[in-house]
N, C-alpha and C. Protein backbone atom coordinates (compact mmCIF):
# COMPACT_ATOMS: atom_id res chain seq x y z
N MET A 1 115.47 104.60 104.46
CA MET A 1 116.84 105.02 104.11
C MET A 1 117.84 103.92 103.83
N LEU A 2 118.77 104.07 103.03
CA LEU A 2 119.72 103.16 102.69
C LEU A 2 121.05 103.63 103.10
N ASP A 3 121.88 102.90 103.71
CA ASP A 3 123.21 103.23 104.07
C ASP A 3 124.20 102.12 103.73
N VAL A 4 124.98 102.34 102.68
CA VAL A 4 125.94 101.40 102.28
C VAL A 4 127.33 102.01 102.74
N SER A 5 128.04 101.04 103.49
CA SER A 5 129.39 101.48 104.08
C SER A 5 130.49 100.52 103.78
N ASN A 6 131.39 101.13 103.01
CA ASN A 6 132.60 100.33 102.58
C ASN A 6 132.32 98.96 102.01
N ILE A 7 131.32 98.94 101.04
CA ILE A 7 130.92 97.65 100.62
C ILE A 7 131.83 97.13 99.44
N SER A 8 132.06 95.84 99.42
CA SER A 8 132.71 95.20 98.38
C SER A 8 131.83 93.99 98.01
N ALA A 9 131.49 93.95 96.68
CA ALA A 9 130.58 92.90 96.26
C ALA A 9 131.08 92.23 95.01
N GLY A 10 130.74 90.95 94.90
CA GLY A 10 131.19 90.16 93.77
C GLY A 10 130.78 88.78 93.79
N TYR A 11 131.52 87.86 93.28
CA TYR A 11 131.20 86.39 93.24
C TYR A 11 132.43 85.63 93.70
N GLY A 12 132.23 84.63 94.66
CA GLY A 12 133.32 83.92 95.26
C GLY A 12 134.24 84.88 95.96
N ASP A 13 135.44 84.94 95.62
CA ASP A 13 136.33 85.87 96.17
C ASP A 13 136.74 87.01 95.22
N ARG A 14 136.08 87.07 94.14
CA ARG A 14 136.34 88.07 93.03
C ARG A 14 135.41 89.32 93.27
N ALA A 15 135.94 90.40 93.79
CA ALA A 15 135.13 91.75 93.93
C ALA A 15 135.11 92.36 92.60
N VAL A 16 133.81 92.76 92.19
CA VAL A 16 133.70 93.74 91.11
C VAL A 16 133.39 95.15 91.57
N VAL A 17 132.93 95.23 92.79
CA VAL A 17 132.75 96.56 93.46
C VAL A 17 133.51 96.52 94.66
N ARG A 18 134.29 97.59 94.91
CA ARG A 18 135.35 97.61 96.08
C ARG A 18 135.15 98.91 96.86
N GLY A 19 135.00 98.75 98.15
CA GLY A 19 135.09 99.84 99.16
C GLY A 19 134.08 100.98 98.81
N LEU A 20 132.92 100.67 98.37
CA LEU A 20 131.88 101.83 98.00
C LEU A 20 131.03 102.17 99.23
N SER A 21 130.87 103.53 99.49
CA SER A 21 130.04 103.95 100.55
C SER A 21 129.14 105.01 99.88
N PHE A 22 127.81 104.97 100.41
CA PHE A 22 126.91 106.06 99.98
C PHE A 22 125.66 105.80 100.81
N LYS A 23 124.74 106.80 100.74
CA LYS A 23 123.42 106.78 101.35
C LYS A 23 122.43 107.29 100.32
N VAL A 24 121.29 106.78 100.53
CA VAL A 24 120.19 107.19 99.81
C VAL A 24 118.98 107.43 100.92
N ALA A 25 118.67 108.71 100.90
CA ALA A 25 117.68 109.09 101.96
C ALA A 25 116.25 108.82 101.41
N ALA A 26 115.28 108.80 102.45
CA ALA A 26 113.83 108.75 101.93
C ALA A 26 113.53 110.02 101.15
N GLY A 27 112.88 109.84 100.08
CA GLY A 27 112.42 110.93 99.27
C GLY A 27 113.46 111.28 98.16
N GLU A 28 114.53 110.39 98.11
CA GLU A 28 115.59 110.61 97.10
C GLU A 28 115.56 109.62 95.96
N CYS A 29 115.79 110.07 94.73
CA CYS A 29 115.77 109.17 93.60
C CYS A 29 117.21 109.24 92.98
N VAL A 30 117.90 108.15 93.01
CA VAL A 30 119.43 108.08 92.62
C VAL A 30 119.69 107.17 91.48
N LEU A 31 120.40 107.58 90.59
CA LEU A 31 120.80 106.74 89.35
C LEU A 31 122.21 106.13 89.75
N LEU A 32 122.33 104.77 89.41
CA LEU A 32 123.50 104.06 89.52
C LEU A 32 123.96 103.72 88.10
N ARG A 33 125.08 104.34 87.67
CA ARG A 33 125.52 104.12 86.28
C ARG A 33 126.95 103.59 86.28
N GLY A 34 127.23 102.99 85.10
CA GLY A 34 128.55 102.58 84.86
C GLY A 34 128.52 101.58 83.72
N ALA A 35 129.69 101.27 83.16
CA ALA A 35 129.72 100.42 82.01
C ALA A 35 129.15 98.97 82.30
N ASN A 36 128.78 98.33 81.10
CA ASN A 36 128.46 96.83 81.36
C ASN A 36 129.57 96.08 82.12
N GLY A 37 129.24 95.32 82.96
CA GLY A 37 130.18 94.46 83.77
C GLY A 37 130.86 95.10 84.85
N CYS A 38 130.47 96.35 85.27
CA CYS A 38 131.19 97.02 86.20
C CYS A 38 130.62 96.70 87.72
N GLY A 39 129.47 95.99 87.72
CA GLY A 39 129.01 95.52 89.11
C GLY A 39 127.70 96.11 89.45
N LYS A 40 126.94 96.79 88.68
CA LYS A 40 125.64 97.46 89.05
C LYS A 40 124.64 96.44 89.50
N THR A 41 124.44 95.35 88.76
CA THR A 41 123.48 94.43 89.13
C THR A 41 124.01 93.52 90.32
N THR A 42 125.25 93.29 90.53
CA THR A 42 125.80 92.66 91.70
C THR A 42 125.55 93.52 92.92
N LEU A 43 125.93 94.79 92.79
CA LEU A 43 125.61 95.70 93.86
C LEU A 43 124.28 95.70 94.35
N LEU A 44 123.24 95.85 93.44
CA LEU A 44 121.83 95.79 93.70
C LEU A 44 121.43 94.51 94.38
N LYS A 45 121.94 93.45 93.87
CA LYS A 45 121.49 92.15 94.53
C LYS A 45 122.09 92.16 95.92
N THR A 46 123.38 92.56 96.23
CA THR A 46 123.97 92.68 97.44
C THR A 46 123.09 93.54 98.38
N ILE A 47 122.81 94.76 97.98
CA ILE A 47 121.97 95.53 98.81
C ILE A 47 120.64 94.95 99.23
N ALA A 48 119.98 94.23 98.18
CA ALA A 48 118.76 93.53 98.51
C ALA A 48 118.77 92.37 99.38
N GLY A 49 120.01 91.87 99.58
CA GLY A 49 120.26 90.69 100.51
C GLY A 49 120.11 89.44 99.68
N LEU A 50 120.22 89.51 98.43
CA LEU A 50 120.22 88.26 97.69
C LEU A 50 121.58 87.50 97.54
N GLN A 51 122.62 88.21 97.95
CA GLN A 51 123.93 87.74 98.04
C GLN A 51 124.65 88.51 99.13
N LYS A 52 125.52 87.82 99.79
CA LYS A 52 126.36 88.48 100.90
C LYS A 52 127.39 89.39 100.34
N PRO A 53 127.58 90.40 101.04
CA PRO A 53 128.83 91.38 100.62
C PRO A 53 130.14 90.60 101.04
N LEU A 54 131.15 90.92 100.15
CA LEU A 54 132.51 90.36 100.46
C LEU A 54 133.04 91.09 101.69
N ALA A 55 132.68 92.39 101.86
CA ALA A 55 133.05 93.21 102.90
C ALA A 55 132.11 94.43 103.02
N GLY A 56 132.11 95.04 104.25
CA GLY A 56 131.34 96.26 104.41
C GLY A 56 129.91 95.79 104.90
N THR A 57 129.10 96.87 105.09
CA THR A 57 127.74 96.66 105.65
C THR A 57 126.61 97.46 104.80
N VAL A 58 125.54 96.83 104.85
CA VAL A 58 124.30 97.52 104.32
C VAL A 58 123.28 97.65 105.32
N ARG A 59 122.88 98.90 105.65
CA ARG A 59 121.74 99.13 106.63
C ARG A 59 120.61 99.80 105.71
N THR A 60 119.39 99.08 106.05
CA THR A 60 118.28 99.43 105.24
C THR A 60 117.08 99.06 105.79
N GLY A 61 116.01 99.75 105.44
CA GLY A 61 114.60 99.34 105.88
C GLY A 61 114.14 98.25 105.05
N ARG A 62 112.78 98.06 104.91
CA ARG A 62 112.17 97.09 104.02
C ARG A 62 112.65 97.40 102.61
N THR A 63 113.34 96.47 101.89
CA THR A 63 113.83 96.70 100.61
C THR A 63 113.30 95.64 99.66
N VAL A 64 113.00 96.13 98.41
CA VAL A 64 112.56 95.24 97.37
C VAL A 64 113.35 95.62 96.14
N LEU A 65 113.77 94.45 95.35
CA LEU A 65 114.53 94.70 94.09
C LEU A 65 113.67 94.23 93.01
N VAL A 66 113.44 95.14 92.09
CA VAL A 66 112.62 94.89 90.89
C VAL A 66 113.63 94.55 89.71
N PRO A 67 113.85 93.23 89.35
CA PRO A 67 114.80 92.92 88.36
C PRO A 67 114.36 93.22 87.00
N THR A 68 115.25 93.15 86.04
CA THR A 68 114.88 93.43 84.61
C THR A 68 114.65 92.09 83.89
N ARG A 69 113.97 92.10 82.90
CA ARG A 69 113.71 90.92 82.05
C ARG A 69 112.84 89.87 82.70
N ILE A 70 111.77 90.37 83.42
CA ILE A 70 110.81 89.46 84.08
C ILE A 70 109.91 89.01 82.78
N PRO A 71 109.79 87.62 82.74
CA PRO A 71 108.93 87.23 81.45
C PRO A 71 107.41 87.61 81.71
N LYS A 72 106.89 87.80 80.65
CA LYS A 72 105.36 88.04 80.58
C LYS A 72 104.66 86.61 80.40
N VAL A 73 104.23 86.10 81.34
CA VAL A 73 103.75 84.72 81.39
C VAL A 73 102.16 84.88 81.09
N LYS A 74 101.83 84.36 79.93
CA LYS A 74 100.34 84.36 79.52
C LYS A 74 99.50 83.66 80.60
N GLY A 75 98.30 84.22 80.83
CA GLY A 75 97.43 83.58 81.67
C GLY A 75 97.16 84.13 82.98
N PHE A 76 97.86 85.26 83.30
CA PHE A 76 97.81 86.07 84.53
C PHE A 76 97.22 87.46 84.27
N THR A 77 96.30 87.94 84.91
CA THR A 77 95.85 89.53 84.68
C THR A 77 96.93 90.28 85.40
N VAL A 78 96.96 91.50 85.10
CA VAL A 78 97.81 92.48 85.69
C VAL A 78 97.57 92.48 87.18
N ARG A 79 96.36 92.36 87.64
CA ARG A 79 96.04 92.52 89.03
C ARG A 79 96.63 91.23 89.76
N GLU A 80 96.55 89.97 89.08
CA GLU A 80 97.07 88.78 89.68
C GLU A 80 98.63 88.90 89.75
N PHE A 81 99.18 89.42 88.62
CA PHE A 81 100.62 89.54 88.57
C PHE A 81 101.08 90.39 89.94
N VAL A 82 100.49 91.57 90.03
CA VAL A 82 100.74 92.55 91.11
C VAL A 82 100.60 91.78 92.52
N ALA A 83 99.49 91.00 92.48
CA ALA A 83 99.16 90.38 93.89
C ALA A 83 100.22 89.35 94.18
N THR A 84 100.92 88.86 93.28
CA THR A 84 102.00 87.93 93.54
C THR A 84 102.94 88.39 94.56
N ALA A 85 103.10 89.78 94.71
CA ALA A 85 104.03 90.42 95.56
C ALA A 85 103.64 89.98 97.03
N THR A 86 102.41 89.59 97.24
CA THR A 86 101.93 89.14 98.63
C THR A 86 102.35 87.75 98.87
N TRP A 87 102.85 87.03 97.83
CA TRP A 87 103.33 85.67 97.77
C TRP A 87 102.51 84.54 98.23
N LYS A 88 102.13 84.45 99.39
CA LYS A 88 101.81 83.23 100.07
C LYS A 88 100.33 82.72 100.17
N ARG A 89 99.42 83.71 99.93
CA ARG A 89 98.03 83.26 100.31
C ARG A 89 97.09 84.17 99.51
N ALA A 90 95.86 84.01 99.79
CA ALA A 90 94.78 84.81 99.22
C ALA A 90 95.11 86.22 99.76
N VAL A 91 94.59 87.17 98.90
CA VAL A 91 94.85 88.60 99.11
C VAL A 91 93.81 89.05 100.16
N SER A 92 94.22 89.87 101.09
CA SER A 92 93.23 90.46 102.00
C SER A 92 92.66 91.76 101.45
N GLY A 93 91.61 92.24 102.13
CA GLY A 93 90.91 93.49 101.59
C GLY A 93 91.90 94.61 101.65
N HIS A 94 92.75 94.67 102.69
CA HIS A 94 93.79 95.77 102.74
C HIS A 94 94.75 95.78 101.49
N GLU A 95 95.10 94.48 101.22
CA GLU A 95 96.09 94.37 100.02
C GLU A 95 95.35 94.56 98.81
N GLU A 96 94.09 94.31 98.72
CA GLU A 96 93.32 94.61 97.39
C GLU A 96 93.51 96.10 97.18
N ASP A 97 93.18 96.82 98.24
CA ASP A 97 93.24 98.41 98.18
C ASP A 97 94.66 98.77 97.82
N ALA A 98 95.75 98.15 98.32
CA ALA A 98 97.05 98.58 98.00
C ALA A 98 97.39 98.17 96.42
N ILE A 99 96.76 97.07 96.02
CA ILE A 99 96.97 96.77 94.59
C ILE A 99 96.33 97.82 93.86
N THR A 100 95.11 98.23 94.09
CA THR A 100 94.38 99.17 93.24
C THR A 100 95.10 100.52 93.29
N GLU A 101 95.53 100.81 94.45
CA GLU A 101 96.35 102.14 94.59
C GLU A 101 97.61 102.11 93.80
N ALA A 102 98.44 100.91 93.85
CA ALA A 102 99.57 100.79 93.04
C ALA A 102 99.39 100.89 91.54
N LEU A 103 98.36 100.29 91.06
CA LEU A 103 97.93 100.26 89.66
C LEU A 103 97.51 101.68 89.26
N GLU A 104 96.83 102.30 90.11
CA GLU A 104 96.39 103.68 89.81
C GLU A 104 97.60 104.70 89.75
N SER A 105 98.54 104.49 90.70
CA SER A 105 99.70 105.41 90.86
C SER A 105 100.61 105.16 89.58
N MET A 106 100.58 103.89 89.02
CA MET A 106 101.50 103.63 87.83
C MET A 106 100.80 104.05 86.54
N GLY A 107 99.52 104.42 86.67
CA GLY A 107 98.69 104.82 85.44
C GLY A 107 98.17 103.63 84.61
N ILE A 108 98.06 102.46 85.24
CA ILE A 108 97.52 101.37 84.48
C ILE A 108 96.38 100.61 85.14
N ALA A 109 95.57 101.33 85.85
CA ALA A 109 94.43 100.88 86.56
C ALA A 109 93.46 100.28 85.58
N GLY A 110 93.31 100.84 84.43
CA GLY A 110 92.40 100.34 83.48
C GLY A 110 92.89 99.01 82.77
N LYS A 111 94.16 98.63 83.10
CA LYS A 111 94.68 97.32 82.60
C LYS A 111 94.56 96.23 83.58
N GLY A 112 93.90 96.39 84.78
CA GLY A 112 93.97 95.45 85.83
C GLY A 112 93.50 94.10 85.44
N ASP A 113 92.50 94.02 84.50
CA ASP A 113 91.89 92.76 84.13
C ASP A 113 92.49 92.10 82.83
N SER A 114 93.45 92.87 82.32
CA SER A 114 94.17 92.42 81.00
C SER A 114 95.16 91.40 81.33
N ASP A 115 95.31 90.53 80.46
CA ASP A 115 96.34 89.40 80.60
C ASP A 115 97.75 90.20 80.35
N ILE A 116 98.71 89.86 81.29
CA ILE A 116 100.08 90.53 81.18
C ILE A 116 100.76 90.43 79.86
N ALA A 117 100.47 89.26 79.18
CA ALA A 117 101.02 89.10 77.89
C ALA A 117 100.64 90.12 76.85
N SER A 118 99.57 90.79 77.08
CA SER A 118 99.03 91.81 76.10
C SER A 118 99.54 93.15 76.29
N LEU A 119 100.28 93.40 77.44
CA LEU A 119 100.77 94.66 77.71
C LEU A 119 102.01 95.02 76.94
N SER A 120 102.10 96.32 76.62
CA SER A 120 103.34 96.77 75.97
C SER A 120 104.44 96.57 76.95
N ASP A 121 105.74 96.74 76.51
CA ASP A 121 106.84 96.70 77.53
C ASP A 121 106.84 97.69 78.51
N GLY A 122 106.37 99.01 78.13
CA GLY A 122 106.40 100.09 79.06
C GLY A 122 105.26 99.78 80.13
N GLU A 123 104.08 99.42 79.64
CA GLU A 123 102.99 99.00 80.69
C GLU A 123 103.45 97.84 81.63
N PHE A 124 104.13 96.90 81.10
CA PHE A 124 104.55 95.74 81.82
C PHE A 124 105.57 96.19 82.94
N GLN A 125 106.52 97.13 82.55
CA GLN A 125 107.48 97.61 83.51
C GLN A 125 106.68 98.33 84.67
N LYS A 126 105.72 99.06 84.30
CA LYS A 126 104.91 99.77 85.33
C LYS A 126 104.28 98.71 86.18
N ALA A 127 103.80 97.71 85.76
CA ALA A 127 103.21 96.53 86.57
C ALA A 127 104.34 95.91 87.51
N CYS A 128 105.43 95.83 86.96
CA CYS A 128 106.51 95.33 87.83
C CYS A 128 106.94 96.21 88.92
N ILE A 129 106.88 97.53 88.66
CA ILE A 129 107.18 98.56 89.67
C ILE A 129 105.97 98.51 90.67
N ALA A 130 104.76 98.35 90.21
CA ALA A 130 103.58 98.25 91.12
C ALA A 130 103.77 97.12 92.12
N THR A 131 104.44 95.99 91.82
CA THR A 131 104.69 94.99 92.74
C THR A 131 105.53 95.40 93.96
N ALA A 132 106.46 96.30 93.75
CA ALA A 132 107.27 96.98 94.75
C ALA A 132 106.41 97.90 95.67
N LEU A 133 105.50 98.50 95.06
CA LEU A 133 104.58 99.56 95.92
C LEU A 133 103.75 98.69 96.75
N VAL A 134 103.21 97.55 96.25
CA VAL A 134 102.25 96.77 97.06
C VAL A 134 103.01 96.22 98.38
N GLN A 135 104.30 95.96 98.29
CA GLN A 135 105.03 95.50 99.30
C GLN A 135 105.42 96.55 100.41
N ASP A 136 105.09 97.81 100.08
CA ASP A 136 105.27 99.04 100.90
C ASP A 136 106.84 98.97 101.43
N ALA A 137 107.72 98.80 100.51
CA ALA A 137 109.02 98.85 100.83
C ALA A 137 109.50 100.35 101.13
N ASP A 138 110.45 100.46 101.96
CA ASP A 138 111.11 101.81 102.27
C ASP A 138 112.12 102.16 101.13
N VAL A 139 112.79 101.06 100.59
CA VAL A 139 113.78 101.18 99.69
C VAL A 139 113.41 100.42 98.41
N ILE A 140 113.43 101.09 97.30
CA ILE A 140 112.99 100.42 96.04
C ILE A 140 114.24 100.35 95.15
N LEU A 141 114.76 99.20 94.82
CA LEU A 141 115.96 99.05 93.90
C LEU A 141 115.43 98.48 92.64
N LEU A 142 115.95 99.03 91.54
CA LEU A 142 115.47 98.60 90.21
C LEU A 142 116.76 98.44 89.33
N ASP A 143 116.74 97.23 88.66
CA ASP A 143 117.93 96.89 87.80
C ASP A 143 117.47 97.16 86.32
N GLU A 144 117.91 98.19 85.68
CA GLU A 144 117.63 98.66 84.28
C GLU A 144 116.08 98.63 83.98
N PRO A 145 115.43 99.48 84.82
CA PRO A 145 113.89 99.46 84.56
C PRO A 145 113.49 100.01 83.27
N THR A 146 114.38 100.65 82.53
CA THR A 146 114.04 101.37 81.24
C THR A 146 114.60 100.59 80.03
N ALA A 147 115.17 99.39 80.26
CA ALA A 147 115.74 98.59 79.19
C ALA A 147 114.69 98.19 78.22
N PHE A 148 114.96 98.24 77.02
CA PHE A 148 114.08 97.74 75.98
C PHE A 148 112.79 98.69 75.75
N LEU A 149 112.80 99.80 76.34
CA LEU A 149 111.56 100.67 76.16
C LEU A 149 111.88 101.81 75.16
N ASP A 150 110.79 102.17 74.54
CA ASP A 150 110.95 103.39 73.63
C ASP A 150 111.25 104.67 74.45
N VAL A 151 111.57 105.80 73.71
CA VAL A 151 112.02 106.95 74.52
C VAL A 151 110.89 107.43 75.41
N GLU A 152 109.65 107.53 74.87
CA GLU A 152 108.62 108.07 75.76
C GLU A 152 108.40 107.19 77.01
N SER A 153 108.41 105.95 76.78
CA SER A 153 108.19 105.02 77.95
C SER A 153 109.30 105.09 78.87
N ARG A 154 110.51 105.26 78.45
CA ARG A 154 111.67 105.40 79.33
C ARG A 154 111.62 106.60 80.19
N ILE A 155 111.13 107.73 79.65
CA ILE A 155 111.07 108.89 80.43
C ILE A 155 109.93 108.90 81.32
N ALA A 156 108.76 108.14 80.93
CA ALA A 156 107.63 108.06 81.87
C ALA A 156 107.97 107.18 83.00
N VAL A 157 108.66 106.13 82.76
CA VAL A 157 109.02 105.27 83.93
C VAL A 157 110.02 105.97 84.92
N MET A 158 110.96 106.73 84.28
CA MET A 158 111.86 107.43 85.29
C MET A 158 111.04 108.57 85.97
N GLU A 159 110.10 109.23 85.37
CA GLU A 159 109.42 110.23 86.11
C GLU A 159 108.58 109.50 87.13
N LEU A 160 108.07 108.39 86.86
CA LEU A 160 107.23 107.65 87.92
C LEU A 160 108.25 107.29 89.10
N LEU A 161 109.39 106.86 88.80
CA LEU A 161 110.42 106.59 89.92
C LEU A 161 110.71 107.75 90.73
N ARG A 162 110.91 108.96 90.13
CA ARG A 162 110.98 110.18 90.81
C ARG A 162 109.83 110.44 91.66
N ASP A 163 108.57 110.37 91.13
CA ASP A 163 107.45 110.62 91.91
C ASP A 163 107.20 109.66 93.10
N ILE A 164 107.62 108.37 92.90
CA ILE A 164 107.64 107.39 94.06
C ILE A 164 108.51 107.94 95.14
N SER A 165 109.73 108.32 94.72
CA SER A 165 110.70 108.78 95.80
C SER A 165 110.06 110.04 96.53
N ARG A 166 109.43 110.93 95.88
CA ARG A 166 108.82 112.11 96.55
C ARG A 166 107.68 111.69 97.54
N ARG A 167 107.28 110.49 97.46
CA ARG A 167 106.29 109.93 98.42
C ARG A 167 106.99 109.36 99.60
N GLY A 168 108.34 109.67 99.70
CA GLY A 168 109.09 109.11 100.89
C GLY A 168 109.76 107.77 100.90
N LYS A 169 109.82 107.42 99.55
CA LYS A 169 110.67 106.22 99.33
C LYS A 169 112.15 106.53 98.90
N ALA A 170 113.00 105.63 99.24
CA ALA A 170 114.36 105.88 98.75
C ALA A 170 114.39 104.94 97.45
N VAL A 171 114.82 105.62 96.31
CA VAL A 171 114.78 104.81 95.05
C VAL A 171 116.21 104.86 94.49
N LEU A 172 116.73 103.64 94.28
CA LEU A 172 118.01 103.55 93.54
C LEU A 172 117.81 102.61 92.35
N PHE A 173 118.20 103.05 91.14
CA PHE A 173 118.14 102.38 89.97
C PHE A 173 119.33 102.46 89.01
N SER A 174 119.57 101.35 88.30
CA SER A 174 120.66 101.32 87.40
C SER A 174 120.16 101.67 86.06
N SER A 175 120.91 102.37 85.19
CA SER A 175 120.42 102.62 83.85
C SER A 175 121.64 103.02 82.93
N HIS A 176 121.43 102.62 81.75
CA HIS A 176 122.49 103.21 80.73
C HIS A 176 121.85 104.46 80.08
N ASP A 177 120.56 104.74 80.25
CA ASP A 177 119.92 105.99 79.74
C ASP A 177 120.34 107.24 80.54
N VAL A 178 121.62 107.35 80.61
CA VAL A 178 122.17 108.48 81.49
C VAL A 178 121.71 109.84 81.21
N TYR A 179 121.50 110.31 80.12
CA TYR A 179 121.06 111.70 79.76
C TYR A 179 119.74 111.95 80.36
N ASP A 180 118.72 111.10 80.12
CA ASP A 180 117.46 111.31 80.61
C ASP A 180 117.36 111.10 82.13
N ALA A 181 118.04 110.02 82.60
CA ALA A 181 118.03 109.72 84.02
C ALA A 181 118.68 110.86 84.96
N GLU A 182 119.73 111.38 84.44
CA GLU A 182 120.43 112.34 85.29
C GLU A 182 119.51 113.68 85.43
N ARG A 183 118.70 113.99 84.39
CA ARG A 183 117.85 115.04 84.53
C ARG A 183 116.74 114.87 85.41
N ILE A 184 116.38 113.57 85.70
CA ILE A 184 115.19 113.35 86.55
C ILE A 184 115.63 113.08 88.01
N CYS A 185 116.81 112.45 88.25
CA CYS A 185 117.32 112.05 89.55
C CYS A 185 117.91 113.14 90.35
N ASP A 186 117.89 112.96 91.66
CA ASP A 186 118.62 113.87 92.53
C ASP A 186 120.08 113.85 92.48
N ARG A 187 120.60 112.65 92.13
CA ARG A 187 122.10 112.61 91.99
C ARG A 187 122.45 111.27 91.31
N THR A 188 123.65 111.11 91.04
CA THR A 188 124.22 109.95 90.40
C THR A 188 125.36 109.23 91.15
N ILE A 189 125.35 108.00 91.18
CA ILE A 189 126.57 107.32 91.77
C ILE A 189 127.08 106.52 90.51
N ARG A 190 128.38 106.72 90.32
CA ARG A 190 129.10 106.18 89.18
C ARG A 190 130.07 105.10 89.61
N LEU A 191 129.89 103.92 88.85
CA LEU A 191 130.66 102.82 89.25
C LEU A 191 131.82 102.71 88.21
């Protein structure tokens, strides 16, 4: 579960988000929407602990942020890319199982040995989301996970996010694809 209480976030002493409070329960998929520059990315980074809040508190379980615009670096298989979520060492048997399960749940198990540079943007975004599943986070944050995707891929990714939340994860993601996202999400937070 995610509990954000009276949060203000920004850079230096300049707040772009002020006094915001909300909760995202396990099993809930929530859309974070707003105009460019209103603080969506800043808020997600603050929730993820990548920057300190200017005011307020964030209470959360294990949290992972899947950023947008991750480069597709040639020379890594999809399986190796997803395994980087374990960061530090060789992958254990349990983690191998988690990687296989994450690739299967994202519908890209057949791409495990493919170079990530060969993936479509939609397939690559699914691989990025799989890295969050491997980390077994309670809260999954995504910054514009449907940016640059075609309509079918956008809808497929949003439906996957909803399905992930139904497995007991709290999912919060930002998007400008408001029409499709609002139909799939449990609710919307507007900045």
